[in-house]
């Protein structure tokens, strides 16, 4: 009986090890993917922010928001 239990435990370990490896690899892949998405979102946010701060249109919009323009026609 002891040998049968040992054989069952060995077979169970051998057959479930690859499944555990696939789950580990899948988790690493999702982590890498979500990290990549976060990096892309941060890059897009910074590009948008820099464009709004440095472009001529962005500077005019900032001046208007600060109240330096009194009428909408001053934005053009």
PDB file of N, CA and C in Angstrom:
ATOM      1  N   UNK A   1       0.826  -1.195   0.000  1.00  0.00           N
ATOM      2  CA  UNK A   1       0.000   0.000   0.000  1.00  0.00           C
ATOM      3  C   UNK A   1       0.870   1.259   0.000  1.00  0.00           C
ATOM      4  N   UNK A   2       1.989   1.242   0.751  1.00  0.00           N
ATOM      5  CA  UNK A   2       2.854   2.416   0.793  1.00  0.00           C
ATOM      6  C   UNK A   2       3.447   2.711  -0.582  1.00  0.00           C
ATOM      7  N   UNK A   3       3.806   1.680  -1.305  1.00  0.00           N
ATOM      8  CA  UNK A   3       4.396   1.864  -2.625  1.00  0.00           C
ATOM      9  C   UNK A   3       3.387   2.482  -3.591  1.00  0.00           C
ATOM     10  N   UNK A   4       2.108   2.067  -3.475  1.00  0.00           N
ATOM     11  CA  UNK A   4       1.069   2.627  -4.340  1.00  0.00           C
ATOM     12  C   UNK A   4       0.876   4.110  -4.070  1.00  0.00           C
ATOM     13  N   UNK A   5       0.877   4.512  -2.824  1.00  0.00           N
ATOM     14  CA  UNK A   5       0.724   5.931  -2.467  1.00  0.00           C
ATOM     15  C   UNK A   5       1.913   6.732  -2.986  1.00  0.00           C
ATOM     16  N   UNK A   6       3.116   6.145  -2.836  1.00  0.00           N
ATOM     17  CA  UNK A   6       4.317   6.819  -3.336  1.00  0.00           C
ATOM     18  C   UNK A   6       4.247   6.972  -4.858  1.00  0.00           C
ATOM     19  N   UNK A   7       3.815   5.927  -5.562  1.00  0.00           N
ATOM     20  CA  UNK A   7       3.695   5.985  -7.022  1.00  0.00           C
ATOM     21  C   UNK A   7       2.661   7.033  -7.448  1.00  0.00           C
ATOM     22  N   UNK A   8       1.541   7.086  -6.732  1.00  0.00           N
ATOM     23  CA  UNK A   8       0.505   8.076  -7.048  1.00  0.00           C
ATOM     24  C   UNK A   8       1.037   9.496  -6.828  1.00  0.00           C
ATOM     25  N   UNK A   9       1.752   9.708  -5.736  1.00  0.00           N
ATOM     26  CA  UNK A   9       2.304  11.033  -5.450  1.00  0.00           C
ATOM     27  C   UNK A   9       3.323  11.448  -6.500  1.00  0.00           C
ATOM     28  N   UNK A  10       4.170  10.517  -6.927  1.00  0.00           N
ATOM     29  CA  UNK A  10       5.170  10.817  -7.957  1.00  0.00           C
ATOM     30  C   UNK A  10       4.479  11.154  -9.278  1.00  0.00           C
ATOM     31  N   UNK A  11       3.512  10.342  -9.672  1.00  0.00           N
ATOM     32  CA  UNK A  11       2.785  10.604 -10.929  1.00  0.00           C
ATOM     33  C   UNK A  11       2.047  11.941 -10.870  1.00  0.00           C
ATOM     34  N   UNK A  12       1.460  12.240  -9.740  1.00  0.00           N
ATOM     35  CA  UNK A  12       0.759  13.512  -9.570  1.00  0.00           C
ATOM     36  C   UNK A  12       1.728  14.683  -9.712  1.00  0.00           C
ATOM     37  N   UNK A  13       2.881  14.583  -9.103  1.00  0.00           N
ATOM     38  CA  UNK A  13       3.885  15.642  -9.183  1.00  0.00           C
ATOM     39  C   UNK A  13       4.407  15.805 -10.611  1.00  0.00           C
ATOM     40  N   UNK A  14       4.637  14.704 -11.286  1.00  0.00           N
ATOM     41  CA  UNK A  14       5.162  14.757 -12.652  1.00  0.00           C
ATOM     42  C   UNK A  14       4.136  15.359 -13.602  1.00  0.00           C
ATOM     43  N   UNK A  15       2.886  15.008 -13.440  1.00  0.00           N
ATOM     44  CA  UNK A  15       1.859  15.461 -14.390  1.00  0.00           C
ATOM     45  C   UNK A  15       1.370  16.879 -14.107  1.00  0.00           C
ATOM     46  N   UNK A  16       1.479  17.374 -12.895  1.00  0.00           N
ATOM     47  CA  UNK A  16       1.001  18.730 -12.590  1.00  0.00           C
ATOM     48  C   UNK A  16       2.099  19.779 -12.680  1.00  0.00           C
ATOM     49  N   UNK A  17       3.353  19.387 -12.736  1.00  0.00           N
ATOM     50  CA  UNK A  17       4.447  20.364 -12.818  1.00  0.00           C
ATOM     51  C   UNK A  17       4.364  21.235 -14.068  1.00  0.00           C
ATOM     52  N   UNK A  18       4.130  20.682 -15.268  1.00  0.00           N
ATOM     53  CA  UNK A  18       4.034  21.550 -16.439  1.00  0.00           C
ATOM     54  C   UNK A  18       2.859  22.522 -16.358  1.00  0.00           C
ATOM     55  N   UNK A  19       1.757  22.100 -15.777  1.00  0.00           N
ATOM     56  CA  UNK A  19       0.606  23.001 -15.654  1.00  0.00           C
ATOM     57  C   UNK A  19       0.948  24.174 -14.751  1.00  0.00           C
ATOM     58  N   UNK A  20       1.678  23.911 -13.690  1.00  0.00           N
ATOM     59  CA  UNK A  20       2.112  25.001 -12.811  1.00  0.00           C
ATOM     60  C   UNK A  20       3.062  25.936 -13.514  1.00  0.00           C
ATOM     61  N   UNK A  21       3.923  25.383 -14.356  1.00  0.00           N
ATOM     62  CA  UNK A  21       4.857  26.215 -15.113  1.00  0.00           C
ATOM     63  C   UNK A  21       4.144  27.112 -16.101  1.00  0.00           C
ATOM     64  N   UNK A  22       3.105  26.591 -16.739  1.00  0.00           N
ATOM     65  CA  UNK A  22       2.322  27.392 -17.686  1.00  0.00           C
ATOM     66  C   UNK A  22       1.619  28.527 -16.952  1.00  0.00           C
ATOM     67  N   UNK A  23       1.062  28.242 -15.780  1.00  0.00           N
ATOM     68  CA  UNK A  23       0.383  29.289 -15.006  1.00  0.00           C
ATOM     69  C   UNK A  23       1.383  30.357 -14.583  1.00  0.00           C
ATOM     70  N   UNK A  24       2.597  29.962 -14.218  1.00  0.00           N
ATOM     71  CA  UNK A  24       3.616  30.938 -13.821  1.00  0.00           C
ATOM     72  C   UNK A  24       4.006  31.799 -15.010  1.00  0.00           C
ATOM     73  N   UNK A  25       4.204  31.168 -16.168  1.00  0.00           N
ATOM     74  CA  UNK A  25       4.566  31.913 -17.371  1.00  0.00           C
ATOM     75  C   UNK A  25       3.449  32.865 -17.768  1.00  0.00           C
ATOM     76  N   UNK A  26       2.218  32.419 -17.652  1.00  0.00           N
ATOM     77  CA  UNK A  26       1.074  33.253 -18.009  1.00  0.00           C
ATOM     78  C   UNK A  26       1.001  34.477 -17.104  1.00  0.00           C
ATOM     79  N   UNK A  27       1.270  34.278 -15.817  1.00  0.00           N
ATOM     80  CA  UNK A  27       1.236  35.394 -14.876  1.00  0.00           C
ATOM     81  C   UNK A  27       2.333  36.404 -15.204  1.00  0.00           C
ATOM     82  N   UNK A  28       3.514  35.930 -15.544  1.00  0.00           N
ATOM     83  CA  UNK A  28       4.614  36.819 -15.920  1.00  0.00           C
ATOM     84  C   UNK A  28       4.244  37.590 -17.184  1.00  0.00           C
ATOM     85  N   UNK A  29       3.618  36.927 -18.138  1.00  0.00           N
ATOM     86  CA  UNK A  29       3.233  37.577 -19.384  1.00  0.00           C
ATOM     87  C   UNK A  29       2.222  38.691 -19.129  1.00  0.00           C
ATOM     88  N   UNK A  30       1.228  38.446 -18.300  1.00  0.00           N
ATOM     89  CA  UNK A  30       0.243  39.479 -17.999  1.00  0.00           C
ATOM     90  C   UNK A  30       0.889  40.647 -17.271  1.00  0.00           C
ATOM     91  N   UNK A  31       1.801  40.361 -16.368  1.00  0.00           N
ATOM     92  CA  UNK A  31       2.486  41.434 -15.648  1.00  0.00           C
ATOM     93  C   UNK A  31       3.289  42.287 -16.614  1.00  0.00           C
ATOM     94  N   UNK A  32       3.998  41.657 -17.523  1.00  0.00           N
ATOM     95  CA  UNK A  32       4.779  42.399 -18.514  1.00  0.00           C
ATOM     96  C   UNK A  32       3.860  43.199 -19.430  1.00  0.00           C
ATOM     97  N   UNK A  33       2.771  42.612 -19.860  1.00  0.00           N
ATOM     98  CA  UNK A  33       1.837  43.309 -20.736  1.00  0.00           C
ATOM     99  C   UNK A  33       1.241  44.538 -20.055  1.00  0.00           C
ATOM    100  N   UNK A  34       0.779  44.377 -18.820  1.00  0.00           N
ATOM    101  CA  UNK A  34       0.179  45.504 -18.103  1.00  0.00           C
ATOM    102  C   UNK A  34       1.212  46.581 -17.797  1.00  0.00           C
ATOM    103  N   UNK A  35       2.448  46.189 -17.533  1.00  0.00           N
ATOM    104  CA  UNK A  35       3.507  47.170 -17.333  1.00  0.00           C
ATOM    105  C   UNK A  35       3.747  47.956 -18.617  1.00  0.00           C
ATOM    106  N   UNK A  36       3.742  47.276 -19.742  1.00  0.00           N
ATOM    107  CA  UNK A  36       3.899  47.951 -21.031  1.00  0.00           C
ATOM    108  C   UNK A  36       2.768  48.923 -21.302  1.00  0.00           C
ATOM    109  N   UNK A  37       1.538  48.529 -20.982  1.00  0.00           N
ATOM    110  CA  UNK A  37       0.394  49.421 -21.160  1.00  0.00           C
ATOM    111  C   UNK A  37       0.548  50.657 -20.287  1.00  0.00           C
ATOM    112  N   UNK A  38       0.975  50.476 -19.058  1.00  0.00           N
ATOM    113  CA  UNK A  38       1.170  51.610 -18.155  1.00  0.00           C
ATOM    114  C   UNK A  38       2.237  52.564 -18.687  1.00  0.00           C
ATOM    115  N   UNK A  39       3.326  52.028 -19.194  1.00  0.00           N
ATOM    116  CA  UNK A  39       4.399  52.869 -19.740  1.00  0.00           C
ATOM    117  C   UNK A  39       3.896  53.661 -20.949  1.00  0.00           C
ATOM    118  N   UNK A  40       3.149  53.014 -21.828  1.00  0.00           N
ATOM    119  CA  UNK A  40       2.612  53.711 -23.002  1.00  0.00           C
ATOM    120  C   UNK A  40       1.660  54.825 -22.578  1.00  0.00           C
ATOM    121  N   UNK A  41       0.802  54.566 -21.603  1.00  0.00           N
ATOM    122  CA  UNK A  41      -0.115  55.599 -21.117  1.00  0.00           C
ATOM    123  C   UNK A  41       0.641  56.781 -20.520  1.00  0.00           C
ATOM    124  N   UNK A  42       1.705  56.512 -19.778  1.00  0.00           N
ATOM    125  CA  UNK A  42       2.494  57.599 -19.203  1.00  0.00           C
ATOM    126  C   UNK A  42       3.179  58.422 -20.294  1.00  0.00           C
ATOM    127  N   UNK A  43       3.685  57.757 -21.320  1.00  0.00           N
ATOM    128  CA  UNK A  43       4.323  58.467 -22.429  1.00  0.00           C
ATOM    129  C   UNK A  43       3.310  59.356 -23.139  1.00  0.00           C
ATOM    130  N   UNK A  44       2.125  58.828 -23.417  1.00  0.00           N
ATOM    131  CA  UNK A  44       1.087  59.620 -24.076  1.00  0.00           C
ATOM    132  C   UNK A  44       0.687  60.815 -23.231  1.00  0.00           C
ATOM    133  N   UNK A  45       0.565  60.627 -21.928  1.00  0.00           N
ATOM    134  CA  UNK A  45       0.214  61.734 -21.034  1.00  0.00           C
ATOM    135  C   UNK A  45       1.286  62.820 -21.071  1.00  0.00           C
ATOM    136  N   UNK A  46       2.565  62.427 -21.015  1.00  0.00           N
ATOM    137  CA  UNK A  46       3.636  63.419 -21.040  1.00  0.00           C
ATOM    138  C   UNK A  46       3.709  64.157 -22.371  1.00  0.00           C
ATOM    139  N   UNK A  47       3.526  63.448 -23.475  1.00  0.00           N
ATOM    140  CA  UNK A  47       3.548  64.107 -24.782  1.00  0.00           C
ATOM    141  C   UNK A  47       2.415  65.118 -24.869  1.00  0.00           C
ATOM    142  N   UNK A  48       1.228  64.744 -24.421  1.00  0.00           N
ATOM    143  CA  UNK A  48       0.092  65.665 -24.419  1.00  0.00           C
ATOM    144  C   UNK A  48       0.376  66.879 -23.544  1.00  0.00           C
ATOM    145  N   UNK A  49       0.932  66.629 -22.372  1.00  0.00           N
ATOM    146  CA  UNK A  49       1.236  67.730 -21.448  1.00  0.00           C
ATOM    147  C   UNK A  49       2.276  68.665 -22.047  1.00  0.00           C
ATOM    148  N   UNK A  50       3.347  68.114 -22.610  1.00  0.00           N
ATOM    149  CA  UNK A  50       4.387  68.949 -23.206  1.00  0.00           C
ATOM    150  C   UNK A  50       3.852  69.721 -24.400  1.00  0.00           C
ATOM    151  N   UNK A  51       3.013  69.076 -25.214  1.00  0.00           N
ATOM    152  CA  UNK A  51       2.446  69.764 -26.365  1.00  0.00           C
ATOM    153  C   UNK A  51       1.592  70.942 -25.922  1.00  0.00           C
ATOM    154  N   UNK A  52       0.780  70.715 -24.885  1.00  0.00           N
ATOM    155  CA  UNK A  52      -0.084  71.796 -24.406  1.00  0.00           C
ATOM    156  C   UNK A  52       0.722  72.930 -23.792  1.00  0.00           C
ATOM    157  N   UNK A  53       1.849  72.623 -23.175  1.00  0.00           N
ATOM    158  CA  UNK A  53       2.655  73.663 -22.541  1.00  0.00           C
ATOM    159  C   UNK A  53       3.545  74.402 -23.529  1.00  0.00           C
ATOM    160  N   UNK A  54       4.015  73.738 -24.573  1.00  0.00           N
ATOM    161  CA  UNK A  54       5.034  74.312 -25.439  1.00  0.00           C
ATOM    162  C   UNK A  54       4.528  74.796 -26.798  1.00  0.00           C
ATOM    163  N   UNK A  55       3.404  74.284 -27.270  1.00  0.00           N
ATOM    164  CA  UNK A  55       2.941  74.715 -28.587  1.00  0.00           C
ATOM    165  C   UNK A  55       2.309  76.096 -28.488  1.00  0.00           C
ATOM    166  N   UNK A  56       2.221  76.755 -29.614  1.00  0.00           N
ATOM    167  CA  UNK A  56       1.649  78.107 -29.637  1.00  0.00           C
ATOM    168  C   UNK A  56       0.193  78.072 -29.185  1.00  0.00           C
ATOM    169  N   UNK A  57      -0.543  77.084 -29.663  1.00  0.00           N
ATOM    170  CA  UNK A  57      -1.939  76.965 -29.272  1.00  0.00           C
ATOM    171  C   UNK A  57      -2.061  76.701 -27.767  1.00  0.00           C
ATOM    172  N   UNK A  58      -1.168  75.855 -27.245  1.00  0.00           N
ATOM    173  CA  UNK A  58      -1.204  75.552 -25.816  1.00  0.00           C
ATOM    174  C   UNK A  58      -0.871  76.749 -24.954  1.00  0.00           C
ATOM    175  N   UNK A  59       0.083  77.575 -25.425  1.00  0.00           N
ATOM    176  CA  UNK A  59       0.441  78.794 -24.684  1.00  0.00           C
ATOM    177  C   UNK A  59      -0.739  79.760 -24.672  1.00  0.00           C
ATOM    178  N   UNK A  60      -1.411  79.909 -25.831  1.00  0.00           N
ATOM    179  CA  UNK A  60      -2.575  80.794 -25.887  1.00  0.00           C
ATOM    180  C   UNK A  60      -3.697  80.281 -24.986  1.00  0.00           C
ATOM    181  N   UNK A  61      -3.894  78.982 -24.978  1.00  0.00           N
ATOM    182  CA  UNK A  61      -4.931  78.404 -24.124  1.00  0.00           C
ATOM    183  C   UNK A  61      -4.610  78.635 -22.648  1.00  0.00           C
ATOM    184  N   UNK A  62      -3.329  78.508 -22.291  1.00  0.00           N
ATOM    185  CA  UNK A  62      -2.941  78.744 -20.903  1.00  0.00           C
ATOM    186  C   UNK A  62      -3.152  80.205 -20.516  1.00  0.00           C
ATOM    187  N   UNK A  63      -2.795  81.133 -21.418  1.00  0.00           N
ATOM    188  CA  UNK A  63      -3.015  82.560 -21.132  1.00  0.00           C
ATOM    189  C   UNK A  63      -4.495  82.854 -20.954  1.00  0.00           C
ATOM    190  N   UNK A  64      -5.319  82.236 -21.807  1.00  0.00           N
ATOM    191  CA  UNK A  64      -6.758  82.444 -21.685  1.00  0.00           C
ATOM    192  C   UNK A  64      -7.267  81.904 -20.347  1.00  0.00           C
ATOM    193  N   UNK A  65      -6.763  80.745 -19.935  1.00  0.00           N
ATOM    194  CA  UNK A  65      -7.190  80.146 -18.665  1.00  0.00           C
ATOM    195  C   UNK A  65      -6.760  81.001 -17.481  1.00  0.00           C
ATOM    196  N   UNK A  66      -5.631  81.677 -17.613  1.00  0.00           N
ATOM    197  CA  UNK A  66      -5.155  82.541 -16.528  1.00  0.00           C
ATOM    198  C   UNK A  66      -5.873  83.887 -16.517  1.00  0.00           C
ATOM    199  N   UNK A  67      -6.682  84.181 -17.517  1.00  0.00           N
ATOM    200  CA  UNK A  67      -7.459  85.409 -17.551  1.00  0.00           C
ATOM    201  C   UNK A  67      -6.747  86.570 -18.231  1.00  0.00           C
ATOM    202  N   UNK A  68      -5.695  86.314 -18.979  1.00  0.00           N
ATOM    203  CA  UNK A  68      -4.973  87.391 -19.643  1.00  0.00           C
ATOM    204  C   UNK A  68      -5.674  87.839 -20.921  1.00  0.00           C
ATOM    205  N   UNK A  69      -6.557  87.004 -21.475  1.00  0.00           N
ATOM    206  CA  UNK A  69      -7.361  87.381 -22.629  1.00  0.00           C
ATOM    207  C   UNK A  69      -8.763  87.692 -22.131  1.00  0.00           C
ATOM    208  N   UNK A  70      -9.375  88.696 -22.689  1.00  0.00           N
ATOM    209  CA  UNK A  70     -10.706  89.050 -22.238  1.00  0.00           C
ATOM    210  C   UNK A  70     -11.794  88.611 -23.197  1.00  0.00           C
ATOM    211  N   UNK A  71     -11.467  88.367 -24.450  1.00  0.00           N
ATOM    212  CA  UNK A  71     -12.493  87.960 -25.398  1.00  0.00           C
ATOM    213  C   UNK A  71     -12.006  86.734 -26.180  1.00  0.00           C
ATOM    214  N   UNK A  72     -12.919  85.905 -26.657  1.00  0.00           N
ATOM    215  CA  UNK A  72     -12.520  84.679 -27.359  1.00  0.00           C
ATOM    216  C   UNK A  72     -11.720  84.936 -28.615  1.00  0.00           C
ATOM    217  N   UNK A  73     -11.893  86.043 -29.284  1.00  0.00           N
ATOM    218  CA  UNK A  73     -11.167  86.334 -30.508  1.00  0.00           C
ATOM    219  C   UNK A  73      -9.673  86.493 -30.290  1.00  0.00           C
ATOM    220  N   UNK A  74      -9.232  86.710 -29.066  1.00  0.00           N
ATOM    221  CA  UNK A  74      -7.808  86.865 -28.777  1.00  0.00           C
ATOM    222  C   UNK A  74      -7.034  85.563 -28.889  1.00  0.00           C
ATOM    223  N   UNK A  75      -7.738  84.433 -28.933  1.00  0.00           N
ATOM    224  CA  UNK A  75      -7.065  83.150 -29.006  1.00  0.00           C
ATOM    225  C   UNK A  75      -6.491  82.861 -30.398  1.00  0.00           C
ATOM    226  N   UNK A  76      -6.959  83.546 -31.422  1.00  0.00           N
ATOM    227  CA  UNK A  76      -6.478  83.265 -32.772  1.00  0.00           C
ATOM    228  C   UNK A  76      -5.257  84.075 -33.127  1.00  0.00           C
TER     229      UNK A  76
END
